[in-house]
Amino acid sequence: MDNLSRFKNKILGRKYELSFAYLSDSEIKKLNKTYRKKNEPTDILSFPLTKWSGEVVVSLQQVKKKARLFGKNPKDYLNYLLIHGLLHLQGRRHGKIMTTLEKKWVKFFKV
């Protein structure tokens, strides 16, 4: 089982329906502008669709770029981002609680 499925099953539950896609920088930039009013590419976006379904999109170009900025390898940074995105699908917002949960899951999954 891949990491995304493992992470999803633990964080959101087995019944949660998750769609996942890799996008180019230009594609994720359009979504970021439309939904977050930020005219720049980002590394990950999460879109809750219903209580039991959602979508995560990732730009590998941004993952590689930001991994270098944070001194991480791209695989570890991507795994962290997946946890981050799934927490957003759970309804979490940036802040102390989300940071605590990220640390908990990073430790649990040994990311």
PDB file of N, CA and C in Angstrom:
ATOM      1  N   MET A   1       0.852  -1.190   0.000  1.00  0.00           N
ATOM      2  CA  MET A   1       0.000   0.000   0.000  1.00  0.00           C
ATOM      3  C   MET A   1       0.892   1.246   0.000  1.00  0.00           C
ATOM      4  N   ASP A   2       0.578   2.194  -0.838  1.00  0.00           N
ATOM      5  CA  ASP A   2       1.381   3.409  -0.925  1.00  0.00           C
ATOM      6  C   ASP A   2       1.114   4.321   0.282  1.00  0.00           C
ATOM      7  N   ASN A   3       2.018   5.281   0.468  1.00  0.00           N
ATOM      8  CA  ASN A   3       1.901   6.180   1.625  1.00  0.00           C
ATOM      9  C   ASN A   3       0.599   6.968   1.624  1.00  0.00           C
ATOM     10  N   LEU A   4       0.186   7.459   0.464  1.00  0.00           N
ATOM     11  CA  LEU A   4      -1.039   8.251   0.426  1.00  0.00           C
ATOM     12  C   LEU A   4      -2.228   7.445   0.959  1.00  0.00           C
ATOM     13  N   SER A   5      -2.358   6.209   0.533  1.00  0.00           N
ATOM     14  CA  SER A   5      -3.463   5.365   1.022  1.00  0.00           C
ATOM     15  C   SER A   5      -3.346   5.114   2.517  1.00  0.00           C
ATOM     16  N   ARG A   6      -2.138   4.827   2.975  1.00  0.00           N
ATOM     17  CA  ARG A   6      -1.932   4.610   4.421  1.00  0.00           C
ATOM     18  C   ARG A   6      -2.301   5.859   5.197  1.00  0.00           C
ATOM     19  N   PHE A   7      -1.795   7.004   4.753  1.00  0.00           N
ATOM     20  CA  PHE A   7      -2.062   8.262   5.449  1.00  0.00           C
ATOM     21  C   PHE A   7      -3.566   8.548   5.451  1.00  0.00           C
ATOM     22  N   LYS A   8      -4.199   8.392   4.300  1.00  0.00           N
ATOM     23  CA  LYS A   8      -5.624   8.680   4.170  1.00  0.00           C
ATOM     24  C   LYS A   8      -6.444   7.789   5.095  1.00  0.00           C
ATOM     25  N   ASN A   9      -6.139   6.498   5.110  1.00  0.00           N
ATOM     26  CA  ASN A   9      -6.908   5.564   5.937  1.00  0.00           C
ATOM     27  C   ASN A   9      -6.800   5.881   7.421  1.00  0.00           C
ATOM     28  N   LYS A  10      -5.625   6.294   7.874  1.00  0.00           N
ATOM     29  CA  LYS A  10      -5.441   6.618   9.296  1.00  0.00           C
ATOM     30  C   LYS A  10      -6.015   7.983   9.659  1.00  0.00           C
ATOM     31  N   ILE A  11      -5.795   8.972   8.809  1.00  0.00           N
ATOM     32  CA  ILE A  11      -6.198  10.344   9.143  1.00  0.00           C
ATOM     33  C   ILE A  11      -7.675  10.589   8.857  1.00  0.00           C
ATOM     34  N   LEU A  12      -8.161  10.106   7.728  1.00  0.00           N
ATOM     35  CA  LEU A  12      -9.534  10.393   7.318  1.00  0.00           C
ATOM     36  C   LEU A  12     -10.471   9.188   7.412  1.00  0.00           C
ATOM     37  N   GLY A  13      -9.909   7.984   7.471  1.00  0.00           N
ATOM     38  CA  GLY A  13     -10.718   6.777   7.550  1.00  0.00           C
ATOM     39  C   GLY A  13     -10.799   6.055   6.210  1.00  0.00           C
ATOM     40  N   ARG A  14     -11.045   4.774   6.300  1.00  0.00           N
ATOM     41  CA  ARG A  14     -11.089   3.925   5.091  1.00  0.00           C
ATOM     42  C   ARG A  14     -12.234   4.283   4.157  1.00  0.00           C
ATOM     43  N   LYS A  15     -13.331   4.778   4.691  1.00  0.00           N
ATOM     44  CA  LYS A  15     -14.499   5.066   3.856  1.00  0.00           C
ATOM     45  C   LYS A  15     -14.382   6.386   3.100  1.00  0.00           C
ATOM     46  N   TYR A  16     -13.430   7.203   3.486  1.00  0.00           N
ATOM     47  CA  TYR A  16     -13.255   8.501   2.827  1.00  0.00           C
ATOM     48  C   TYR A  16     -12.803   8.282   1.383  1.00  0.00           C
ATOM     49  N   GLU A  17     -13.459   8.947   0.444  1.00  0.00           N
ATOM     50  CA  GLU A  17     -13.103   8.847  -0.968  1.00  0.00           C
ATOM     51  C   GLU A  17     -12.186  10.013  -1.326  1.00  0.00           C
ATOM     52  N   LEU A  18     -10.977   9.676  -1.743  1.00  0.00           N
ATOM     53  CA  LEU A  18      -9.975  10.691  -2.028  1.00  0.00           C
ATOM     54  C   LEU A  18      -9.538  10.620  -3.481  1.00  0.00           C
ATOM     55  N   SER A  19      -9.549  11.771  -4.113  1.00  0.00           N
ATOM     56  CA  SER A  19      -9.007  11.912  -5.459  1.00  0.00           C
ATOM     57  C   SER A  19      -7.671  12.638  -5.327  1.00  0.00           C
ATOM     58  N   PHE A  20      -6.693  12.206  -6.109  1.00  0.00           N
ATOM     59  CA  PHE A  20      -5.353  12.791  -6.018  1.00  0.00           C
ATOM     60  C   PHE A  20      -4.806  12.990  -7.425  1.00  0.00           C
ATOM     61  N   ALA A  21      -4.148  14.135  -7.643  1.00  0.00           N
ATOM     62  CA  ALA A  21      -3.564  14.387  -8.966  1.00  0.00           C
ATOM     63  C   ALA A  21      -2.304  15.233  -8.833  1.00  0.00           C
ATOM     64  N   TYR A  22      -1.356  14.951  -9.726  1.00  0.00           N
ATOM     65  CA  TYR A  22      -0.195  15.814  -9.900  1.00  0.00           C
ATOM     66  C   TYR A  22      -0.526  16.809 -10.994  1.00  0.00           C
ATOM     67  N   LEU A  23      -0.225  18.074 -10.749  1.00  0.00           N
ATOM     68  CA  LEU A  23      -0.472  19.126 -11.730  1.00  0.00           C
ATOM     69  C   LEU A  23       0.815  19.856 -12.053  1.00  0.00           C
ATOM     70  N   SER A  24       0.844  20.476 -13.214  1.00  0.00           N
ATOM     71  CA  SER A  24       1.980  21.329 -13.569  1.00  0.00           C
ATOM     72  C   SER A  24       1.883  22.623 -12.758  1.00  0.00           C
ATOM     73  N   ASP A  25       2.977  23.378 -12.735  1.00  0.00           N
ATOM     74  CA  ASP A  25       2.957  24.666 -12.043  1.00  0.00           C
ATOM     75  C   ASP A  25       1.872  25.583 -12.598  1.00  0.00           C
ATOM     76  N   SER A  26       1.723  25.610 -13.919  1.00  0.00           N
ATOM     77  CA  SER A  26       0.726  26.508 -14.504  1.00  0.00           C
ATOM     78  C   SER A  26      -0.700  26.088 -14.119  1.00  0.00           C
ATOM     79  N   GLU A  27      -0.955  24.785 -14.046  1.00  0.00           N
ATOM     80  CA  GLU A  27      -2.290  24.321 -13.665  1.00  0.00           C
ATOM     81  C   GLU A  27      -2.599  24.632 -12.201  1.00  0.00           C
ATOM     82  N   ILE A  28      -1.641  24.376 -11.323  1.00  0.00           N
ATOM     83  CA  ILE A  28      -1.896  24.621  -9.893  1.00  0.00           C
ATOM     84  C   ILE A  28      -1.949  26.126  -9.610  1.00  0.00           C
ATOM     85  N   LYS A  29      -1.207  26.901 -10.402  1.00  0.00           N
ATOM     86  CA  LYS A  29      -1.257  28.365 -10.264  1.00  0.00           C
ATOM     87  C   LYS A  29      -2.669  28.882 -10.560  1.00  0.00           C
ATOM     88  N   LYS A  30      -3.309  28.340 -11.602  1.00  0.00           N
ATOM     89  CA  LYS A  30      -4.679  28.750 -11.945  1.00  0.00           C
ATOM     90  C   LYS A  30      -5.633  28.435 -10.799  1.00  0.00           C
ATOM     91  N   LEU A  31      -5.508  27.236 -10.233  1.00  0.00           N
ATOM     92  CA  LEU A  31      -6.380  26.867  -9.110  1.00  0.00           C
ATOM     93  C   LEU A  31      -6.105  27.742  -7.884  1.00  0.00           C
ATOM     94  N   ASN A  32      -4.837  28.013  -7.622  1.00  0.00           N
ATOM     95  CA  ASN A  32      -4.461  28.843  -6.477  1.00  0.00           C
ATOM     96  C   ASN A  32      -5.025  30.255  -6.633  1.00  0.00           C
ATOM     97  N   LYS A  33      -4.999  30.768  -7.864  1.00  0.00           N
ATOM     98  CA  LYS A  33      -5.549  32.108  -8.116  1.00  0.00           C
ATOM     99  C   LYS A  33      -7.069  32.102  -7.947  1.00  0.00           C
ATOM    100  N   THR A  34      -7.714  31.082  -8.489  1.00  0.00           N
ATOM    101  CA  THR A  34      -9.174  30.997  -8.421  1.00  0.00           C
ATOM    102  C   THR A  34      -9.676  30.829  -6.989  1.00  0.00           C
ATOM    103  N   TYR A  35      -9.073  29.922  -6.234  1.00  0.00           N
ATOM    104  CA  TYR A  35      -9.615  29.559  -4.924  1.00  0.00           C
ATOM    105  C   TYR A  35      -8.968  30.267  -3.738  1.00  0.00           C
ATOM    106  N   ARG A  36      -7.732  30.744  -3.920  1.00  0.00           N
ATOM    107  CA  ARG A  36      -7.049  31.388  -2.792  1.00  0.00           C
ATOM    108  C   ARG A  36      -6.646  32.825  -3.107  1.00  0.00           C
ATOM    109  N   LYS A  37      -6.946  33.277  -4.327  1.00  0.00           N
ATOM    110  CA  LYS A  37      -6.618  34.643  -4.760  1.00  0.00           C
ATOM    111  C   LYS A  37      -5.120  34.922  -4.718  1.00  0.00           C
ATOM    112  N   LYS A  38      -4.300  33.879  -4.919  1.00  0.00           N
ATOM    113  CA  LYS A  38      -2.846  34.019  -4.948  1.00  0.00           C
ATOM    114  C   LYS A  38      -2.364  33.647  -6.339  1.00  0.00           C
ATOM    115  N   ASN A  39      -1.768  34.613  -7.025  1.00  0.00           N
ATOM    116  CA  ASN A  39      -1.363  34.424  -8.412  1.00  0.00           C
ATOM    117  C   ASN A  39       0.051  33.849  -8.501  1.00  0.00           C
ATOM    118  N   GLU A  40       0.203  32.653  -7.937  1.00  0.00           N
ATOM    119  CA  GLU A  40       1.498  31.971  -7.950  1.00  0.00           C
ATOM    120  C   GLU A  40       1.252  30.477  -7.777  1.00  0.00           C
ATOM    121  N   PRO A  41       2.188  29.664  -8.263  1.00  0.00           N
ATOM    122  CA  PRO A  41       2.031  28.222  -8.030  1.00  0.00           C
ATOM    123  C   PRO A  41       2.268  27.909  -6.557  1.00  0.00           C
ATOM    124  N   THR A  42       1.659  26.855  -6.093  1.00  0.00           N
ATOM    125  CA  THR A  42       1.856  26.383  -4.730  1.00  0.00           C
ATOM    126  C   THR A  42       2.177  24.898  -4.779  1.00  0.00           C
ATOM    127  N   ASP A  43       2.566  24.336  -3.658  1.00  0.00           N
ATOM    128  CA  ASP A  43       2.952  22.927  -3.660  1.00  0.00           C
ATOM    129  C   ASP A  43       1.764  21.980  -3.548  1.00  0.00           C
ATOM    130  N   ILE A  44       0.741  22.345  -2.773  1.00  0.00           N
ATOM    131  CA  ILE A  44      -0.409  21.454  -2.558  1.00  0.00           C
ATOM    132  C   ILE A  44      -1.666  22.277  -2.326  1.00  0.00           C
ATOM    133  N   LEU A  45      -2.779  21.744  -2.816  1.00  0.00           N
ATOM    134  CA  LEU A  45      -4.095  22.311  -2.542  1.00  0.00           C
ATOM    135  C   LEU A  45      -5.026  21.159  -2.167  1.00  0.00           C
ATOM    136  N   SER A  46      -5.892  21.409  -1.205  1.00  0.00           N
ATOM    137  CA  SER A  46      -6.874  20.414  -0.766  1.00  0.00           C
ATOM    138  C   SER A  46      -8.264  20.981  -0.972  1.00  0.00           C
ATOM    139  N   PHE A  47      -9.150  20.159  -1.504  1.00  0.00           N
ATOM    140  CA  PHE A  47     -10.516  20.571  -1.767  1.00  0.00           C
ATOM    141  C   PHE A  47     -11.494  19.577  -1.145  1.00  0.00           C
ATOM    142  N   PRO A  48     -12.090  19.922  -0.004  1.00  0.00           N
ATOM    143  CA  PRO A  48     -13.125  19.052   0.542  1.00  0.00           C
ATOM    144  C   PRO A  48     -14.356  19.151  -0.359  1.00  0.00           C
ATOM    145  N   LEU A  49     -14.909  18.020  -0.716  1.00  0.00           N
ATOM    146  CA  LEU A  49     -16.087  18.007  -1.585  1.00  0.00           C
ATOM    147  C   LEU A  49     -17.347  17.725  -0.782  1.00  0.00           C
ATOM    148  N   THR A  50     -17.295  16.719   0.066  1.00  0.00           N
ATOM    149  CA  THR A  50     -18.380  16.397   0.993  1.00  0.00           C
ATOM    150  C   THR A  50     -17.712  16.008   2.311  1.00  0.00           C
ATOM    151  N   LYS A  51     -18.505  15.609   3.285  1.00  0.00           N
ATOM    152  CA  LYS A  51     -17.935  15.160   4.555  1.00  0.00           C
ATOM    153  C   LYS A  51     -17.058  13.927   4.363  1.00  0.00           C
ATOM    154  N   TRP A  52     -17.359  13.125   3.343  1.00  0.00           N
ATOM    155  CA  TRP A  52     -16.655  11.860   3.141  1.00  0.00           C
ATOM    156  C   TRP A  52     -15.877  11.786   1.833  1.00  0.00           C
ATOM    157  N   SER A  53     -15.601  12.955   1.223  1.00  0.00           N
ATOM    158  CA  SER A  53     -14.811  12.930  -0.008  1.00  0.00           C
ATOM    159  C   SER A  53     -14.074  14.245  -0.209  1.00  0.00           C
ATOM    160  N   GLY A  54     -12.969  14.148  -0.918  1.00  0.00           N
ATOM    161  CA  GLY A  54     -12.184  15.344  -1.192  1.00  0.00           C
ATOM    162  C   GLY A  54     -11.131  15.069  -2.233  1.00  0.00           C
ATOM    163  N   GLU A  55     -10.406  16.124  -2.576  1.00  0.00           N
ATOM    164  CA  GLU A  55      -9.399  16.041  -3.619  1.00  0.00           C
ATOM    165  C   GLU A  55      -8.135  16.769  -3.161  1.00  0.00           C
ATOM    166  N   VAL A  56      -6.997  16.184  -3.504  1.00  0.00           N
ATOM    167  CA  VAL A  56      -5.698  16.805  -3.232  1.00  0.00           C
ATOM    168  C   VAL A  56      -4.952  16.885  -4.553  1.00  0.00           C
ATOM    169  N   VAL A  57      -4.383  18.070  -4.826  1.00  0.00           N
ATOM    170  CA  VAL A  57      -3.549  18.249  -6.014  1.00  0.00           C
ATOM    171  C   VAL A  57      -2.187  18.761  -5.583  1.00  0.00           C
ATOM    172  N   VAL A  58      -1.150  18.289  -6.292  1.00  0.00           N
ATOM    173  CA  VAL A  58       0.232  18.597  -5.923  1.00  0.00           C
ATOM    174  C   VAL A  58       1.013  18.981  -7.167  1.00  0.00           C
ATOM    175  N   SER A  59       1.892  19.958  -7.017  1.00  0.00           N
ATOM    176  CA  SER A  59       2.857  20.295  -8.059  1.00  0.00           C
ATOM    177  C   SER A  59       4.211  19.717  -7.654  1.00  0.00           C
ATOM    178  N   LEU A  60       4.688  18.728  -8.412  1.00  0.00           N
ATOM    179  CA  LEU A  60       6.006  18.147  -8.103  1.00  0.00           C
ATOM    180  C   LEU A  60       7.122  19.156  -8.317  1.00  0.00           C
ATOM    181  N   GLN A  61       6.924  20.088  -9.252  1.00  0.00           N
ATOM    182  CA  GLN A  61       7.923  21.138  -9.454  1.00  0.00           C
ATOM    183  C   GLN A  61       8.102  21.947  -8.164  1.00  0.00           C
ATOM    184  N   GLN A  62       6.995  22.302  -7.539  1.00  0.00           N
ATOM    185  CA  GLN A  62       7.056  23.073  -6.296  1.00  0.00           C
ATOM    186  C   GLN A  62       7.563  22.226  -5.132  1.00  0.00           C
ATOM    187  N   VAL A  63       7.200  20.950  -5.115  1.00  0.00           N
ATOM    188  CA  VAL A  63       7.696  20.049  -4.067  1.00  0.00           C
ATOM    189  C   VAL A  63       9.224  20.015  -4.111  1.00  0.00           C
ATOM    190  N   LYS A  64       9.791  19.836  -5.284  1.00  0.00           N
ATOM    191  CA  LYS A  64      11.253  19.781  -5.422  1.00  0.00           C
ATOM    192  C   LYS A  64      11.897  21.099  -5.019  1.00  0.00           C
ATOM    193  N   LYS A  65      11.309  22.196  -5.457  1.00  0.00           N
ATOM    194  CA  LYS A  65      11.840  23.530  -5.146  1.00  0.00           C
ATOM    195  C   LYS A  65      11.798  23.801  -3.638  1.00  0.00           C
ATOM    196  N   LYS A  66      10.652  23.550  -3.017  1.00  0.00           N
ATOM    197  CA  LYS A  66      10.498  23.856  -1.593  1.00  0.00           C
ATOM    198  C   LYS A  66      11.244  22.864  -0.705  1.00  0.00           C
ATOM    199  N   ALA A  67      11.382  21.635  -1.160  1.00  0.00           N
ATOM    200  CA  ALA A  67      12.164  20.657  -0.389  1.00  0.00           C
ATOM    201  C   ALA A  67      13.588  21.178  -0.208  1.00  0.00           C
ATOM    202  N   ARG A  68      14.152  21.709  -1.272  1.00  0.00           N
ATOM    203  CA  ARG A  68      15.514  22.281  -1.180  1.00  0.00           C
ATOM    204  C   ARG A  68      15.550  23.438  -0.192  1.00  0.00           C
ATOM    205  N   LEU A  69      14.533  24.300  -0.238  1.00  0.00           N
ATOM    206  CA  LEU A  69      14.481  25.452   0.670  1.00  0.00           C
ATOM    207  C   LEU A  69      14.451  25.028   2.133  1.00  0.00           C
ATOM    208  N   PHE A  70      13.783  23.910   2.420  1.00  0.00           N
ATOM    209  CA  PHE A  70      13.659  23.427   3.790  1.00  0.00           C
ATOM    210  C   PHE A  70      14.708  22.384   4.154  1.00  0.00           C
ATOM    211  N   GLY A  71      15.649  22.119   3.241  1.00  0.00           N
ATOM    212  CA  GLY A  71      16.703  21.160   3.519  1.00  0.00           C
ATOM    213  C   GLY A  71      16.197  19.727   3.635  1.00  0.00           C
ATOM    214  N   LYS A  72      15.138  19.404   2.907  1.00  0.00           N
ATOM    215  CA  LYS A  72      14.547  18.063   2.932  1.00  0.00           C
ATOM    216  C   LYS A  72      14.731  17.411   1.569  1.00  0.00           C
ATOM    217  N   ASN A  73      14.621  16.095   1.537  1.00  0.00           N
ATOM    218  CA  ASN A  73      14.582  15.466   0.230  1.00  0.00           C
ATOM    219  C   ASN A  73      13.131  15.527  -0.253  1.00  0.00           C
ATOM    220  N   PRO A  74      12.913  15.530  -1.570  1.00  0.00           N
ATOM    221  CA  PRO A  74      11.555  15.688  -2.098  1.00  0.00           C
ATOM    222  C   PRO A  74      10.557  14.637  -1.604  1.00  0.00           C
ATOM    223  N   LYS A  75      10.988  13.404  -1.425  1.00  0.00           N
ATOM    224  CA  LYS A  75      10.067  12.355  -0.956  1.00  0.00           C
ATOM    225  C   LYS A  75       9.553  12.660   0.444  1.00  0.00           C
ATOM    226  N   ASP A  76      10.457  13.042   1.352  1.00  0.00           N
ATOM    227  CA  ASP A  76      10.035  13.362   2.721  1.00  0.00           C
ATOM    228  C   ASP A  76       9.141  14.598   2.748  1.00  0.00           C
ATOM    229  N   TYR A  77       9.491  15.597   1.943  1.00  0.00           N
ATOM    230  CA  TYR A  77       8.673  16.810   1.904  1.00  0.00           C
ATOM    231  C   TYR A  77       7.291  16.495   1.349  1.00  0.00           C
ATOM    232  N   LEU A  78       7.212  15.668   0.305  1.00  0.00           N
ATOM    233  CA  LEU A  78       5.922  15.282  -0.257  1.00  0.00           C
ATOM    234  C   LEU A  78       5.093  14.540   0.785  1.00  0.00           C
ATOM    235  N   ASN A  79       5.695  13.629   1.519  1.00  0.00           N
ATOM    236  CA  ASN A  79       4.956  12.905   2.557  1.00  0.00           C
ATOM    237  C   ASN A  79       4.417  13.855   3.615  1.00  0.00           C
ATOM    238  N   TYR A  80       5.233  14.846   4.030  1.00  0.00           N
ATOM    239  CA  TYR A  80       4.757  15.856   4.971  1.00  0.00           C
ATOM    240  C   TYR A  80       3.561  16.613   4.373  1.00  0.00           C
ATOM    241  N   LEU A  81       3.690  17.010   3.101  1.00  0.00           N
ATOM    242  CA  LEU A  81       2.609  17.758   2.457  1.00  0.00           C
ATOM    243  C   LEU A  81       1.319  16.952   2.387  1.00  0.00           C
ATOM    244  N   LEU A  82       1.436  15.664   2.126  1.00  0.00           N
ATOM    245  CA  LEU A  82       0.239  14.823   2.068  1.00  0.00           C
ATOM    246  C   LEU A  82      -0.478  14.822   3.412  1.00  0.00           C
ATOM    247  N   ILE A  83       0.280  14.710   4.489  1.00  0.00           N
ATOM    248  CA  ILE A  83      -0.308  14.778   5.831  1.00  0.00           C
ATOM    249  C   ILE A  83      -0.985  16.137   6.019  1.00  0.00           C
ATOM    250  N   HIS A  84      -0.293  17.190   5.633  1.00  0.00           N
ATOM    251  CA  HIS A  84      -0.806  18.557   5.741  1.00  0.00           C
ATOM    252  C   HIS A  84      -2.130  18.697   4.963  1.00  0.00           C
ATOM    253  N   GLY A  85      -2.134  18.225   3.723  1.00  0.00           N
ATOM    254  CA  GLY A  85      -3.327  18.325   2.896  1.00  0.00           C
ATOM    255  C   GLY A  85      -4.496  17.530   3.442  1.00  0.00           C
ATOM    256  N   LEU A  86      -4.217  16.344   3.965  1.00  0.00           N
ATOM    257  CA  LEU A  86      -5.280  15.515   4.540  1.00  0.00           C
ATOM    258  C   LEU A  86      -5.878  16.163   5.784  1.00  0.00           C
ATOM    259  N   LEU A  87      -5.051  16.831   6.564  1.00  0.00           N
ATOM    260  CA  LEU A  87      -5.574  17.540   7.737  1.00  0.00           C
ATOM    261  C   LEU A  87      -6.509  18.669   7.314  1.00  0.00           C
ATOM    262  N   HIS A  88      -6.185  19.334   6.204  1.00  0.00           N
ATOM    263  CA  HIS A  88      -7.107  20.354   5.686  1.00  0.00           C
ATOM    264  C   HIS A  88      -8.436  19.715   5.283  1.00  0.00           C
ATOM    265  N   LEU A  89      -8.389  18.538   4.675  1.00  0.00           N
ATOM    266  CA  LEU A  89      -9.630  17.858   4.308  1.00  0.00           C
ATOM    267  C   LEU A  89     -10.437  17.469   5.544  1.00  0.00           C
ATOM    268  N   GLN A  90      -9.751  17.303   6.646  1.00  0.00           N
ATOM    269  CA  GLN A  90     -10.401  16.983   7.923  1.00  0.00           C
ATOM    270  C   GLN A  90     -11.043  18.237   8.525  1.00  0.00           C
ATOM    271  N   GLY A  91     -10.772  19.379   7.915  1.00  0.00           N
ATOM    272  CA  GLY A  91     -11.350  20.634   8.392  1.00  0.00           C
ATOM    273  C   GLY A  91     -10.398  21.468   9.220  1.00  0.00           C
ATOM    274  N   ARG A  92      -9.155  21.058   9.310  1.00  0.00           N
ATOM    275  CA  ARG A  92      -8.174  21.800  10.108  1.00  0.00           C
ATOM    276  C   ARG A  92      -7.688  23.030   9.357  1.00  0.00           C
ATOM    277  N   ARG A  93      -7.398  24.066  10.126  1.00  0.00           N
ATOM    278  CA  ARG A  93      -6.840  25.310   9.578  1.00  0.00           C
ATOM    279  C   ARG A  93      -5.447  25.513  10.155  1.00  0.00           C
ATOM    280  N   HIS A  94      -4.641  26.303   9.446  1.00  0.00           N
ATOM    281  CA  HIS A  94      -3.287  26.578   9.928  1.00  0.00           C
ATOM    282  C   HIS A  94      -3.348  27.154  11.341  1.00  0.00           C
ATOM    283  N   GLY A  95      -2.439  26.716  12.168  1.00  0.00           N
ATOM    284  CA  GLY A  95      -2.383  27.194  13.538  1.00  0.00           C
ATOM    285  C   GLY A  95      -1.770  26.153  14.445  1.00  0.00           C
ATOM    286  N   LYS A  96      -1.828  26.421  15.730  1.00  0.00           N
ATOM    287  CA  LYS A  96      -1.182  25.583  16.729  1.00  0.00           C
ATOM    288  C   LYS A  96      -1.709  24.140  16.725  1.00  0.00           C
ATOM    289  N   ILE A  97      -3.018  23.986  16.647  1.00  0.00           N
ATOM    290  CA  ILE A  97      -3.604  22.638  16.677  1.00  0.00           C
ATOM    291  C   ILE A  97      -3.152  21.845  15.455  1.00  0.00           C
ATOM    292  N   MET A  98      -3.186  22.480  14.291  1.00  0.00           N
ATOM    293  CA  MET A  98      -2.783  21.777  13.070  1.00  0.00           C
ATOM    294  C   MET A  98      -1.304  21.408  13.125  1.00  0.00           C
ATOM    295  N   THR A  99      -0.480  22.316  13.613  1.00  0.00           N
ATOM    296  CA  THR A  99       0.957  22.030  13.736  1.00  0.00           C
ATOM    297  C   THR A  99       1.185  20.849  14.669  1.00  0.00           C
ATOM    298  N   THR A 100       0.462  20.801  15.763  1.00  0.00           N
ATOM    299  CA  THR A 100       0.576  19.685  16.705  1.00  0.00           C
ATOM    300  C   THR A 100       0.172  18.371  16.035  1.00  0.00           C
ATOM    301  N   LEU A 101      -0.916  18.393  15.287  1.00  0.00           N
ATOM    302  CA  LEU A 101      -1.372  17.190  14.594  1.00  0.00           C
ATOM    303  C   LEU A 101      -0.384  16.764  13.511  1.00  0.00           C
ATOM    304  N   GLU A 102       0.181  17.719  12.792  1.00  0.00           N
ATOM    305  CA  GLU A 102       1.196  17.387  11.784  1.00  0.00           C
ATOM    306  C   GLU A 102       2.368  16.662  12.434  1.00  0.00           C
ATOM    307  N   LYS A 103       2.841  17.193  13.547  1.00  0.00           N
ATOM    308  CA  LYS A 103       3.970  16.568  14.250  1.00  0.00           C
ATOM    309  C   LYS A 103       3.608  15.157  14.712  1.00  0.00           C
ATOM    310  N   LYS A 104       2.401  15.002  15.216  1.00  0.00           N
ATOM    311  CA  LYS A 104       1.933  13.684  15.672  1.00  0.00           C
ATOM    312  C   LYS A 104       1.972  12.678  14.526  1.00  0.00           C
ATOM    313  N   TRP A 105       1.398  13.049  13.369  1.00  0.00           N
ATOM    314  CA  TRP A 105       1.332  12.133  12.234  1.00  0.00           C
ATOM    315  C   TRP A 105       2.696  11.900  11.587  1.00  0.00           C
ATOM    316  N   VAL A 106       3.532  12.933  11.535  1.00  0.00           N
ATOM    317  CA  VAL A 106       4.892  12.769  10.997  1.00  0.00           C
ATOM    318  C   VAL A 106       5.642  11.736  11.841  1.00  0.00           C
ATOM    319  N   LYS A 107       5.495  11.841  13.148  1.00  0.00           N
ATOM    320  CA  LYS A 107       6.148  10.880  14.031  1.00  0.00           C
ATOM    321  C   LYS A 107       5.537   9.490  13.866  1.00  0.00           C
ATOM    322  N   PHE A 108       4.222   9.404  13.822  1.00  0.00           N
ATOM    323  CA  PHE A 108       3.529   8.129  13.689  1.00  0.00           C
ATOM    324  C   PHE A 108       3.944   7.395  12.411  1.00  0.00           C
ATOM    325  N   PHE A 109       4.018   8.127  11.302  1.00  0.00           N
ATOM    326  CA  PHE A 109       4.364   7.509  10.012  1.00  0.00           C
ATOM    327  C   PHE A 109       5.866   7.477   9.754  1.00  0.00           C
ATOM    328  N   LYS A 110       6.648   8.023  10.702  1.00  0.00           N
ATOM    329  CA  LYS A 110       8.107   8.060  10.566  1.00  0.00           C
ATOM    330  C   LYS A 110       8.541   8.755   9.264  1.00  0.00           C
ATOM    331  N   VAL A 111       7.947   9.909   9.053  1.00  0.00           N
ATOM    332  CA  VAL A 111       8.248  10.706   7.849  1.00  0.00           C
ATOM    333  C   VAL A 111       9.478  11.551   8.134  1.00  0.00           C
TER     334      VAL A 111
END
